[in-house]
Amino acid sequence: MAKSPKAPAHLRQATQKWWRTVLADFDLEDHHLRLLQLAAEAWDQAQLAREVLDKDGQTFTDRFGQPKERPEVGILQNARIAFARLLRELALDGVDAPEAPRMSRTRDYGRRA
Protein backbone atom coordinates (compact mmCIF):
# COMPACT_ATOMS: atom_id res chain seq x y z
CA MET A 1 0.00 0.00 0.00
CA ALA A 2 1.31 3.40 -0.88
CA LYS A 3 -0.44 5.40 1.83
CA SER A 4 -1.90 4.11 5.07
CA PRO A 5 -5.59 4.91 5.39
CA LYS A 6 -6.68 6.98 8.34
CA ALA A 7 -8.44 5.32 11.24
CA PRO A 8 -12.20 5.80 11.09
CA ALA A 9 -13.17 8.98 12.96
CA HIS A 10 -15.88 7.24 15.00
CA LEU A 11 -13.33 5.06 16.81
CA ARG A 12 -12.08 6.03 20.25
CA GLN A 13 -8.67 7.68 20.43
CA ALA A 14 -7.00 4.63 21.98
CA THR A 15 -8.50 2.42 19.28
CA GLN A 16 -7.36 4.81 16.56
CA LYS A 17 -3.85 4.58 18.01
CA TRP A 18 -4.09 0.76 17.90
CA TRP A 19 -5.26 1.01 14.26
CA ARG A 20 -2.20 3.09 13.35
CA THR A 21 0.10 0.66 15.18
CA VAL A 22 -1.36 -2.31 13.32
CA LEU A 23 -0.95 -0.56 9.96
CA ALA A 24 2.64 0.36 10.84
CA ASP A 25 3.49 -3.23 11.79
CA PHE A 26 1.59 -5.16 9.11
CA ASP A 27 1.08 -4.91 5.37
CA LEU A 28 -2.69 -5.27 5.01
CA GLU A 29 -4.72 -5.56 1.84
CA ASP A 30 -8.05 -3.80 1.30
CA HIS A 31 -10.15 -6.70 2.56
CA HIS A 32 -7.97 -6.86 5.69
CA LEU A 33 -8.67 -3.20 6.36
CA ARG A 34 -12.37 -3.97 6.50
CA LEU A 35 -11.72 -6.75 9.01
CA LEU A 36 -9.49 -4.41 11.00
CA GLN A 37 -12.25 -1.82 11.13
CA LEU A 38 -14.76 -4.41 12.31
CA ALA A 39 -12.32 -5.56 15.00
CA ALA A 40 -11.74 -1.99 16.15
CA GLU A 41 -15.49 -1.33 16.29
CA ALA A 42 -16.02 -4.53 18.27
CA TRP A 43 -13.32 -3.46 20.73
CA ASP A 44 -14.93 -0.04 21.21
CA GLN A 45 -18.33 -1.65 21.66
CA ALA A 46 -16.92 -3.98 24.32
CA GLN A 47 -15.26 -1.06 26.12
CA LEU A 48 -18.48 0.94 26.14
CA ALA A 49 -20.42 -2.01 27.55
CA ARG A 50 -17.69 -2.55 30.16
CA GLU A 51 -17.97 1.09 31.27
CA VAL A 52 -21.74 0.80 31.71
CA LEU A 53 -21.34 -2.43 33.68
CA ASP A 54 -18.64 -0.90 35.89
CA LYS A 55 -20.94 2.02 36.64
CA ASP A 56 -24.32 0.29 36.94
CA GLY A 57 -23.48 -3.33 37.77
CA GLN A 58 -24.41 -6.51 35.92
CA THR A 59 -28.04 -6.64 37.02
CA PHE A 60 -31.01 -4.37 37.49
CA THR A 61 -34.35 -4.85 39.21
CA ASP A 62 -37.32 -5.12 36.87
CA ARG A 63 -40.78 -3.70 37.58
CA PHE A 64 -41.70 -6.89 39.42
CA GLY A 65 -38.73 -6.60 41.77
CA GLN A 66 -36.81 -9.43 40.09
CA PRO A 67 -33.12 -9.12 39.26
CA LYS A 68 -32.37 -9.15 35.53
CA GLU A 69 -29.13 -9.21 33.61
CA ARG A 70 -28.29 -5.94 31.89
CA PRO A 71 -28.24 -6.02 28.09
CA GLU A 72 -24.64 -4.79 28.21
CA VAL A 73 -23.56 -8.19 29.55
CA GLY A 74 -24.54 -9.80 26.24
CA ILE A 75 -23.17 -6.90 24.24
CA LEU A 76 -19.82 -7.25 26.00
CA GLN A 77 -19.69 -10.99 25.44
CA ASN A 78 -20.63 -10.74 21.76
CA ALA A 79 -18.17 -7.92 21.11
CA ARG A 80 -15.34 -9.87 22.76
CA ILE A 81 -16.08 -12.93 20.68
CA ALA A 82 -16.27 -10.87 17.50
CA PHE A 83 -12.99 -9.12 18.31
CA ALA A 84 -11.18 -12.41 19.00
CA ARG A 85 -12.49 -14.00 15.81
CA LEU A 86 -11.57 -11.01 13.69
CA LEU A 87 -8.06 -10.97 15.13
CA ARG A 88 -7.75 -14.66 14.32
CA GLU A 89 -8.85 -13.98 10.75
CA LEU A 90 -6.32 -11.17 10.42
CA ALA A 91 -3.57 -13.40 11.91
CA LEU A 92 -1.92 -10.39 13.56
CA ASP A 93 -0.08 -12.52 16.06
CA GLY A 94 2.30 -13.75 13.37
CA VAL A 95 1.10 -17.33 13.46
CA ASP A 96 0.43 -18.73 10.04
CA ALA A 97 -2.97 -20.12 9.30
CA PRO A 98 -3.29 -23.88 9.71
CA GLU A 99 -2.36 -25.89 6.65
CA ALA A 100 -5.66 -27.76 6.61
CA PRO A 101 -8.91 -25.81 6.56
CA ARG A 102 -11.19 -26.01 9.55
CA MET A 103 -13.80 -28.75 9.51
CA SER A 104 -17.18 -27.64 8.29
CA ARG A 105 -20.10 -27.85 10.66
CA THR A 106 -22.20 -30.92 10.09
CA ARG A 107 -24.83 -32.72 12.13
CA ASP A 108 -22.18 -34.90 13.78
CA TYR A 109 -19.68 -32.05 14.31
CA GLY A 110 -17.70 -32.61 17.48
CA ARG A 111 -18.52 -36.31 17.72
CA ARG A 112 -15.99 -37.49 15.20
CA ALA A 113 -13.23 -39.82 16.31
C-alpha atoms as a PDB file:
ATOM      1  CA  MET A   1       0.000   0.000   0.000  1.00  0.00           C
ATOM      2  CA  ALA A   2       1.313   3.404  -0.876  1.00  0.00           C
ATOM      3  CA  LYS A   3      -0.442   5.398   1.827  1.00  0.00           C
ATOM      4  CA  SER A   4      -1.903   4.107   5.066  1.00  0.00           C
ATOM      5  CA  PRO A   5      -5.586   4.910   5.392  1.00  0.00           C
ATOM      6  CA  LYS A   6      -6.675   6.979   8.339  1.00  0.00           C
ATOM      7  CA  ALA A   7      -8.437   5.315  11.239  1.00  0.00           C
ATOM      8  CA  PRO A   8     -12.200   5.797  11.093  1.00  0.00           C
ATOM      9  CA  ALA A   9     -13.172   8.975  12.959  1.00  0.00           C
ATOM     10  CA  HIS A  10     -15.881   7.245  15.000  1.00  0.00           C
ATOM     11  CA  LEU A  11     -13.330   5.063  16.809  1.00  0.00           C
ATOM     12  CA  ARG A  12     -12.078   6.025  20.251  1.00  0.00           C
ATOM     13  CA  GLN A  13      -8.670   7.680  20.431  1.00  0.00           C
ATOM     14  CA  ALA A  14      -6.997   4.631  21.977  1.00  0.00           C
ATOM     15  CA  THR A  15      -8.502   2.421  19.281  1.00  0.00           C
ATOM     16  CA  GLN A  16      -7.358   4.807  16.560  1.00  0.00           C
ATOM     17  CA  LYS A  17      -3.855   4.583  18.014  1.00  0.00           C
ATOM     18  CA  TRP A  18      -4.086   0.763  17.901  1.00  0.00           C
ATOM     19  CA  TRP A  19      -5.260   1.014  14.259  1.00  0.00           C
ATOM     20  CA  ARG A  20      -2.201   3.091  13.354  1.00  0.00           C
ATOM     21  CA  THR A  21       0.096   0.657  15.182  1.00  0.00           C
ATOM     22  CA  VAL A  22      -1.356  -2.310  13.316  1.00  0.00           C
ATOM     23  CA  LEU A  23      -0.950  -0.560   9.959  1.00  0.00           C
ATOM     24  CA  ALA A  24       2.637   0.358  10.836  1.00  0.00           C
ATOM     25  CA  ASP A  25       3.487  -3.229  11.791  1.00  0.00           C
ATOM     26  CA  PHE A  26       1.587  -5.159   9.110  1.00  0.00           C
ATOM     27  CA  ASP A  27       1.075  -4.909   5.369  1.00  0.00           C
ATOM     28  CA  LEU A  28      -2.689  -5.265   5.009  1.00  0.00           C
ATOM     29  CA  GLU A  29      -4.721  -5.556   1.837  1.00  0.00           C
ATOM     30  CA  ASP A  30      -8.045  -3.800   1.299  1.00  0.00           C
ATOM     31  CA  HIS A  31     -10.154  -6.697   2.561  1.00  0.00           C
ATOM     32  CA  HIS A  32      -7.969  -6.860   5.689  1.00  0.00           C
ATOM     33  CA  LEU A  33      -8.675  -3.195   6.362  1.00  0.00           C
ATOM     34  CA  ARG A  34     -12.369  -3.975   6.500  1.00  0.00           C
ATOM     35  CA  LEU A  35     -11.718  -6.750   9.010  1.00  0.00           C
ATOM     36  CA  LEU A  36      -9.488  -4.408  11.005  1.00  0.00           C
ATOM     37  CA  GLN A  37     -12.254  -1.820  11.128  1.00  0.00           C
ATOM     38  CA  LEU A  38     -14.759  -4.414  12.315  1.00  0.00           C
ATOM     39  CA  ALA A  39     -12.315  -5.557  14.999  1.00  0.00           C
ATOM     40  CA  ALA A  40     -11.743  -1.986  16.146  1.00  0.00           C
ATOM     41  CA  GLU A  41     -15.486  -1.332  16.288  1.00  0.00           C
ATOM     42  CA  ALA A  42     -16.023  -4.532  18.272  1.00  0.00           C
ATOM     43  CA  TRP A  43     -13.322  -3.457  20.731  1.00  0.00           C
ATOM     44  CA  ASP A  44     -14.933  -0.044  21.206  1.00  0.00           C
ATOM     45  CA  GLN A  45     -18.330  -1.650  21.662  1.00  0.00           C
ATOM     46  CA  ALA A  46     -16.918  -3.981  24.320  1.00  0.00           C
ATOM     47  CA  GLN A  47     -15.259  -1.064  26.116  1.00  0.00           C
ATOM     48  CA  LEU A  48     -18.479   0.937  26.137  1.00  0.00           C
ATOM     49  CA  ALA A  49     -20.422  -2.007  27.545  1.00  0.00           C
ATOM     50  CA  ARG A  50     -17.685  -2.547  30.160  1.00  0.00           C
ATOM     51  CA  GLU A  51     -17.973   1.093  31.266  1.00  0.00           C
ATOM     52  CA  VAL A  52     -21.737   0.801  31.715  1.00  0.00           C
ATOM     53  CA  LEU A  53     -21.341  -2.434  33.682  1.00  0.00           C
ATOM     54  CA  ASP A  54     -18.639  -0.896  35.888  1.00  0.00           C
ATOM     55  CA  LYS A  55     -20.939   2.024  36.638  1.00  0.00           C
ATOM     56  CA  ASP A  56     -24.315   0.289  36.937  1.00  0.00           C
ATOM     57  CA  GLY A  57     -23.481  -3.327  37.766  1.00  0.00           C
ATOM     58  CA  GLN A  58     -24.408  -6.506  35.922  1.00  0.00           C
ATOM     59  CA  THR A  59     -28.035  -6.638  37.015  1.00  0.00           C
ATOM     60  CA  PHE A  60     -31.008  -4.366  37.493  1.00  0.00           C
ATOM     61  CA  THR A  61     -34.350  -4.854  39.213  1.00  0.00           C
ATOM     62  CA  ASP A  62     -37.317  -5.118  36.867  1.00  0.00           C
ATOM     63  CA  ARG A  63     -40.784  -3.698  37.584  1.00  0.00           C
ATOM     64  CA  PHE A  64     -41.704  -6.894  39.421  1.00  0.00           C
ATOM     65  CA  GLY A  65     -38.735  -6.604  41.771  1.00  0.00           C
ATOM     66  CA  GLN A  66     -36.810  -9.427  40.087  1.00  0.00           C
ATOM     67  CA  PRO A  67     -33.116  -9.122  39.260  1.00  0.00           C
ATOM     68  CA  LYS A  68     -32.369  -9.151  35.532  1.00  0.00           C
ATOM     69  CA  GLU A  69     -29.129  -9.210  33.607  1.00  0.00           C
ATOM     70  CA  ARG A  70     -28.292  -5.942  31.894  1.00  0.00           C
ATOM     71  CA  PRO A  71     -28.244  -6.017  28.087  1.00  0.00           C
ATOM     72  CA  GLU A  72     -24.640  -4.789  28.214  1.00  0.00           C
ATOM     73  CA  VAL A  73     -23.562  -8.193  29.549  1.00  0.00           C
ATOM     74  CA  GLY A  74     -24.539  -9.802  26.240  1.00  0.00           C
ATOM     75  CA  ILE A  75     -23.168  -6.897  24.240  1.00  0.00           C
ATOM     76  CA  LEU A  76     -19.819  -7.250  25.999  1.00  0.00           C
ATOM     77  CA  GLN A  77     -19.685 -10.989  25.435  1.00  0.00           C
ATOM     78  CA  ASN A  78     -20.631 -10.745  21.758  1.00  0.00           C
ATOM     79  CA  ALA A  79     -18.172  -7.923  21.111  1.00  0.00           C
ATOM     80  CA  ARG A  80     -15.340  -9.871  22.760  1.00  0.00           C
ATOM     81  CA  ILE A  81     -16.083 -12.935  20.684  1.00  0.00           C
ATOM     82  CA  ALA A  82     -16.272 -10.874  17.501  1.00  0.00           C
ATOM     83  CA  PHE A  83     -12.988  -9.118  18.307  1.00  0.00           C
ATOM     84  CA  ALA A  84     -11.183 -12.405  18.996  1.00  0.00           C
ATOM     85  CA  ARG A  85     -12.489 -14.002  15.810  1.00  0.00           C
ATOM     86  CA  LEU A  86     -11.572 -11.009  13.694  1.00  0.00           C
ATOM     87  CA  LEU A  87      -8.057 -10.967  15.132  1.00  0.00           C
ATOM     88  CA  ARG A  88      -7.755 -14.658  14.322  1.00  0.00           C
ATOM     89  CA  GLU A  89      -8.852 -13.983  10.748  1.00  0.00           C
ATOM     90  CA  LEU A  90      -6.322 -11.169  10.424  1.00  0.00           C
ATOM     91  CA  ALA A  91      -3.573 -13.398  11.910  1.00  0.00           C
ATOM     92  CA  LEU A  92      -1.924 -10.387  13.557  1.00  0.00           C
ATOM     93  CA  ASP A  93      -0.081 -12.520  16.062  1.00  0.00           C
ATOM     94  CA  GLY A  94       2.304 -13.746  13.374  1.00  0.00           C
ATOM     95  CA  VAL A  95       1.097 -17.326  13.462  1.00  0.00           C
ATOM     96  CA  ASP A  96       0.427 -18.733  10.036  1.00  0.00           C
ATOM     97  CA  ALA A  97      -2.973 -20.121   9.301  1.00  0.00           C
ATOM     98  CA  PRO A  98      -3.286 -23.879   9.715  1.00  0.00           C
ATOM     99  CA  GLU A  99      -2.356 -25.894   6.646  1.00  0.00           C
ATOM    100  CA  ALA A 100      -5.663 -27.757   6.610  1.00  0.00           C
ATOM    101  CA  PRO A 101      -8.913 -25.807   6.560  1.00  0.00           C
ATOM    102  CA  ARG A 102     -11.195 -26.009   9.554  1.00  0.00           C
ATOM    103  CA  MET A 103     -13.796 -28.748   9.510  1.00  0.00           C
ATOM    104  CA  SER A 104     -17.180 -27.645   8.289  1.00  0.00           C
ATOM    105  CA  ARG A 105     -20.104 -27.854  10.658  1.00  0.00           C
ATOM    106  CA  THR A 106     -22.203 -30.918  10.088  1.00  0.00           C
ATOM    107  CA  ARG A 107     -24.827 -32.719  12.127  1.00  0.00           C
ATOM    108  CA  ASP A 108     -22.179 -34.901  13.779  1.00  0.00           C
ATOM    109  CA  TYR A 109     -19.675 -32.052  14.310  1.00  0.00           C
ATOM    110  CA  GLY A 110     -17.695 -32.608  17.481  1.00  0.00           C
ATOM    111  CA  ARG A 111     -18.525 -36.308  17.719  1.00  0.00           C
ATOM    112  CA  ARG A 112     -15.991 -37.493  15.204  1.00  0.00           C
ATOM    113  CA  ALA A 113     -13.227 -39.818  16.308  1.00  0.00           C
END
